[in-house]
């Protein structure tokens, strides 16, 4: 075996968020026991496309003895995979048998608790007048679909920023949150997320931005919603 560049994953830093997986075209990374792991040297091309997508900085490049990268092995591996993405957050599940159809009472109209627009984190300007002095809700975008009483339980009385830490660039979110938190004072911050690992990546981003701006005194808590809404 010859020496070549190949990724190295620091398991102590990895939190299993899975953000690296969609960015590895070869499928060389898999979440095993809650940690990202390189499942075969032969599958890693050593180009490091996954490097910039780890919010924990757990993935680096090293030069060591390793078998050569093999495109044929990558194609064979792709055929064997049961799904295009093995991230736990993308696992296909069907709840219909667990929740049989029953007669539902007609509910009276409930007033929306939304207090501002836009809501997507990337679209909300840091100078938006509704931010300063508010209770801030940062929300993974799947949460309102899983949580039936989302408006009453989470959104009431809060300003909301919606984000998807799996599909968007965490660095972009970090930069935008840094602008928002630097220019505004908040009474409290809540991060409502799904139980899947990829949602967890934004927790440390929020904490780091608060620390960088000297605002760790702002009360912050994390709310985790199960896939079935619990």
Protein backbone atom coordinates (compact mmCIF):
# COMPACT_ATOMS: atom_id res chain seq x y z
CA UNK A 1 0.00 0.00 0.00
CA UNK A 2 1.14 3.52 -0.77
CA UNK A 3 0.64 6.63 1.31
CA UNK A 4 -2.17 8.89 0.17
CA UNK A 5 -4.56 11.52 1.54
CA UNK A 6 -7.67 10.17 3.23
CA UNK A 7 -10.21 11.49 5.70
CA UNK A 8 -9.83 11.06 9.45
CA UNK A 9 -12.83 11.28 11.80
CA UNK A 10 -12.31 12.31 15.42
CA UNK A 11 -14.96 10.30 17.27
CA UNK A 12 -14.54 12.45 20.39
CA UNK A 13 -15.74 15.51 18.43
CA UNK A 14 -18.35 13.77 16.26
CA UNK A 15 -21.93 14.03 17.55
CA UNK A 16 -23.48 11.88 14.84
CA UNK A 17 -25.36 14.74 13.16
CA UNK A 18 -24.96 13.10 9.73
CA UNK A 19 -24.32 16.31 7.79
CA UNK A 20 -21.21 14.77 6.24
CA UNK A 21 -23.08 11.84 4.68
CA UNK A 22 -25.00 13.60 1.86
CA UNK A 23 -21.77 15.36 0.87
CA UNK A 24 -19.80 12.15 0.38
CA UNK A 25 -20.68 11.14 -3.17
CA UNK A 26 -18.93 7.82 -2.77
CA UNK A 27 -20.92 6.76 0.31
CA UNK A 28 -17.73 6.18 2.32
CA UNK A 29 -19.21 7.50 5.58
CA UNK A 30 -21.90 5.88 7.69
CA UNK A 31 -23.38 6.60 11.11
CA UNK A 32 -22.54 3.61 13.34
CA UNK A 33 -23.35 3.61 17.05
CA UNK A 34 -24.08 7.32 16.91
CA UNK A 35 -20.76 8.28 15.28
CA UNK A 36 -19.69 8.98 11.70
CA UNK A 37 -17.22 6.34 10.54
CA UNK A 38 -15.22 5.72 7.37
CA UNK A 39 -16.49 2.31 6.29
CA UNK A 40 -13.77 1.57 3.74
CA UNK A 41 -10.54 3.21 2.63
CA UNK A 42 -11.22 2.01 -0.90
CA UNK A 43 -14.36 4.21 -1.01
CA UNK A 44 -12.66 7.47 0.01
CA UNK A 45 -11.25 9.51 -2.88
CA UNK A 46 -9.29 11.77 -0.51
CA UNK A 47 -10.68 14.98 -2.04
CA UNK A 48 -12.41 16.02 1.19
CA UNK A 49 -15.83 17.10 -0.12
CA UNK A 50 -17.23 16.29 3.34
CA UNK A 51 -14.79 18.51 5.26
CA UNK A 52 -16.71 21.76 5.25
CA UNK A 53 -19.98 20.16 6.30
CA UNK A 54 -19.02 19.05 9.81
CA UNK A 55 -20.09 21.70 12.37
CA UNK A 56 -17.95 19.99 15.01
CA UNK A 57 -14.74 20.05 12.96
CA UNK A 58 -14.45 16.30 13.49
CA UNK A 59 -13.33 15.51 9.92
CA UNK A 60 -9.81 16.30 8.76
CA UNK A 61 -7.41 14.96 6.15
CA UNK A 62 -4.40 12.84 6.95
CA UNK A 63 -1.73 11.14 4.87
CA UNK A 64 -1.28 7.47 5.69
CA UNK A 65 -0.93 4.09 4.08
CA UNK A 66 -4.23 3.10 2.52
CA UNK A 67 -5.49 1.00 -0.36
CA UNK A 68 -6.09 2.94 -3.55
CA UNK A 69 -9.43 4.58 -4.22
CA UNK A 70 -11.52 2.34 -6.51
CA UNK A 71 -14.41 3.69 -8.60
CA UNK A 72 -15.61 0.13 -9.29
CA UNK A 73 -15.89 -0.51 -5.56
CA UNK A 74 -17.88 2.73 -5.20
CA UNK A 75 -20.34 1.61 -7.89
CA UNK A 76 -20.71 -1.82 -6.29
CA UNK A 77 -21.28 -0.19 -2.90
CA UNK A 78 -23.96 2.09 -4.38
CA UNK A 79 -25.84 -0.93 -5.72
CA UNK A 80 -25.76 -2.64 -2.32
CA UNK A 81 -27.07 0.36 -0.43
CA UNK A 82 -30.77 0.13 0.41
CA UNK A 83 -31.30 3.89 0.23
CA UNK A 84 -29.48 6.85 -1.36
CA UNK A 85 -28.72 8.25 2.10
CA UNK A 86 -28.09 6.23 5.26
CA UNK A 87 -28.39 9.14 7.63
CA UNK A 88 -30.83 8.26 10.47
CA UNK A 89 -32.80 11.40 9.70
CA UNK A 90 -33.64 10.08 6.23
CA UNK A 91 -34.82 6.62 7.30
CA UNK A 92 -38.18 5.84 5.70
CA UNK A 93 -40.92 5.03 8.23
CA UNK A 94 -44.66 4.42 7.87
CA UNK A 95 -46.87 5.25 10.87
CA UNK A 96 -50.21 4.47 9.26
CA UNK A 97 -50.57 1.03 10.86
CA UNK A 98 -49.58 2.43 14.25
CA UNK A 99 -52.15 5.23 14.03
CA UNK A 100 -55.38 3.75 12.63
CA UNK A 101 -57.83 6.16 11.09
CA UNK A 102 -60.49 7.31 13.56
CA UNK A 103 -63.31 9.81 13.45
CA UNK A 104 -61.97 13.28 14.22
CA UNK A 105 -64.09 15.98 15.80
CA UNK A 106 -64.34 19.18 13.83
CA UNK A 107 -62.22 21.80 15.61
CA UNK A 108 -63.03 25.45 15.84
CA UNK A 109 -60.67 27.82 14.09
CA UNK A 110 -57.51 28.51 16.07
CA UNK A 111 -55.75 31.80 15.58
CA UNK A 112 -52.22 31.63 14.24
CA UNK A 113 -49.53 32.71 16.69
CA UNK A 114 -47.17 33.83 13.92
CA UNK A 115 -46.09 37.41 14.62
CA UNK A 116 -43.72 38.22 11.77
CA UNK A 117 -42.61 37.56 8.19
CA UNK A 118 -40.34 36.22 6.78
CA UNK A 119 -39.56 33.26 9.01
CA UNK A 120 -36.71 31.45 7.22
CA UNK A 121 -33.40 32.19 8.95
CA UNK A 122 -31.62 33.06 5.73
CA UNK A 123 -34.31 35.59 4.77
CA UNK A 124 -34.81 37.44 8.07
CA UNK A 125 -32.70 40.63 8.11
CA UNK A 126 -30.58 41.14 11.21
CA UNK A 127 -32.11 44.61 11.60
CA UNK A 128 -35.74 43.37 11.54
CA UNK A 129 -37.64 45.51 14.08
CA UNK A 130 -39.37 42.55 15.70
CA UNK A 131 -36.11 40.85 16.80
CA UNK A 132 -34.70 43.11 19.50
CA UNK A 133 -36.10 42.44 22.97
CA UNK A 134 -38.05 39.36 21.88
CA UNK A 135 -38.21 35.75 23.00
CA UNK A 136 -36.62 33.93 20.08
CA UNK A 137 -37.64 30.51 18.76
CA UNK A 138 -35.19 28.84 16.39
CA UNK A 139 -37.04 25.94 14.83
CA UNK A 140 -36.00 23.01 12.63
CA UNK A 141 -38.42 23.09 9.75
CA UNK A 142 -39.91 19.61 10.33
CA UNK A 143 -41.03 20.42 13.88
CA UNK A 144 -44.38 22.12 13.06
CA UNK A 145 -45.43 19.04 11.05
CA UNK A 146 -44.65 16.60 13.87
CA UNK A 147 -45.96 18.70 16.77
CA UNK A 148 -49.74 19.03 16.57
CA UNK A 149 -49.94 21.89 19.07
CA UNK A 150 -46.89 23.73 17.76
CA UNK A 151 -48.49 27.20 17.77
CA UNK A 152 -49.73 26.96 21.35
CA UNK A 153 -46.76 25.07 22.77
CA UNK A 154 -43.83 26.78 21.07
CA UNK A 155 -44.75 29.75 18.87
CA UNK A 156 -47.05 31.75 21.17
CA UNK A 157 -45.40 35.06 22.12
CA UNK A 158 -42.18 34.36 20.23
CA UNK A 159 -40.36 35.48 17.12
CA UNK A 160 -39.37 32.52 14.96
CA UNK A 161 -36.41 31.66 12.75
CA UNK A 162 -36.84 28.46 10.71
CA UNK A 163 -33.82 26.42 9.62
CA UNK A 164 -32.89 23.01 8.21
CA UNK A 165 -29.41 22.06 9.48
CA UNK A 166 -29.34 18.98 7.22
CA UNK A 167 -30.11 20.50 3.83
CA UNK A 168 -28.50 23.92 4.24
CA UNK A 169 -24.91 24.97 4.90
CA UNK A 170 -24.29 25.21 8.69
CA UNK A 171 -21.61 27.84 8.09
CA UNK A 172 -24.17 30.10 6.39
CA UNK A 173 -26.47 29.68 9.40
CA UNK A 174 -23.62 30.44 11.78
CA UNK A 175 -22.76 33.66 9.96
CA UNK A 176 -26.41 34.77 9.85
CA UNK A 177 -27.04 33.93 13.53
CA UNK A 178 -23.88 35.81 14.42
CA UNK A 179 -25.27 38.93 12.71
CA UNK A 180 -28.67 38.57 14.37
CA UNK A 181 -27.38 37.90 17.89
CA UNK A 182 -24.68 40.58 17.64
CA UNK A 183 -27.20 43.27 16.70
CA UNK A 184 -30.06 42.31 19.02
CA UNK A 185 -30.73 41.48 22.65
CA UNK A 186 -33.08 38.60 23.36
CA UNK A 187 -35.02 37.74 26.50
CA UNK A 188 -34.61 34.02 25.81
CA UNK A 189 -33.76 31.60 23.02
CA UNK A 190 -35.35 28.21 22.43
CA UNK A 191 -34.17 25.74 19.79
CA UNK A 192 -36.95 23.29 18.86
CA UNK A 193 -35.64 20.37 16.84
CA UNK A 194 -36.46 16.85 15.78
CA UNK A 195 -34.92 13.85 17.54
CA UNK A 196 -32.87 12.89 14.47
CA UNK A 197 -29.08 13.43 14.77
CA UNK A 198 -28.80 15.90 11.88
CA UNK A 199 -30.91 18.43 13.81
CA UNK A 200 -28.46 18.38 16.71
CA UNK A 201 -25.75 20.09 14.68
CA UNK A 202 -27.32 23.52 15.18
CA UNK A 203 -27.19 23.32 18.99
CA UNK A 204 -23.45 23.90 19.20
CA UNK A 205 -23.65 26.54 16.47
CA UNK A 206 -26.10 28.56 18.59
CA UNK A 207 -24.03 28.12 21.75
CA UNK A 208 -20.85 29.14 19.93
CA UNK A 209 -22.47 32.27 18.47
CA UNK A 210 -23.73 33.26 21.94
CA UNK A 211 -20.24 32.77 23.37
CA UNK A 212 -18.55 34.68 20.53
CA UNK A 213 -20.83 37.66 21.17
CA UNK A 214 -20.52 37.56 24.96
CA UNK A 215 -24.22 36.75 25.35
CA UNK A 216 -24.10 33.45 27.23
CA UNK A 217 -26.29 35.08 29.88
CA UNK A 218 -29.32 34.82 27.59
CA UNK A 219 -31.42 31.85 28.79
CA UNK A 220 -31.15 29.07 26.20
CA UNK A 221 -32.83 25.70 26.09
CA UNK A 222 -33.25 22.88 23.60
CA UNK A 223 -36.60 21.19 22.97
CA UNK A 224 -36.51 17.79 21.24
CA UNK A 225 -39.57 16.52 19.36
CA UNK A 226 -39.98 12.85 18.47
CA UNK A 227 -40.77 11.85 14.91
CA UNK A 228 -44.29 10.93 16.01
CA UNK A 229 -44.78 14.24 17.78
CA UNK A 230 -44.03 13.41 21.42
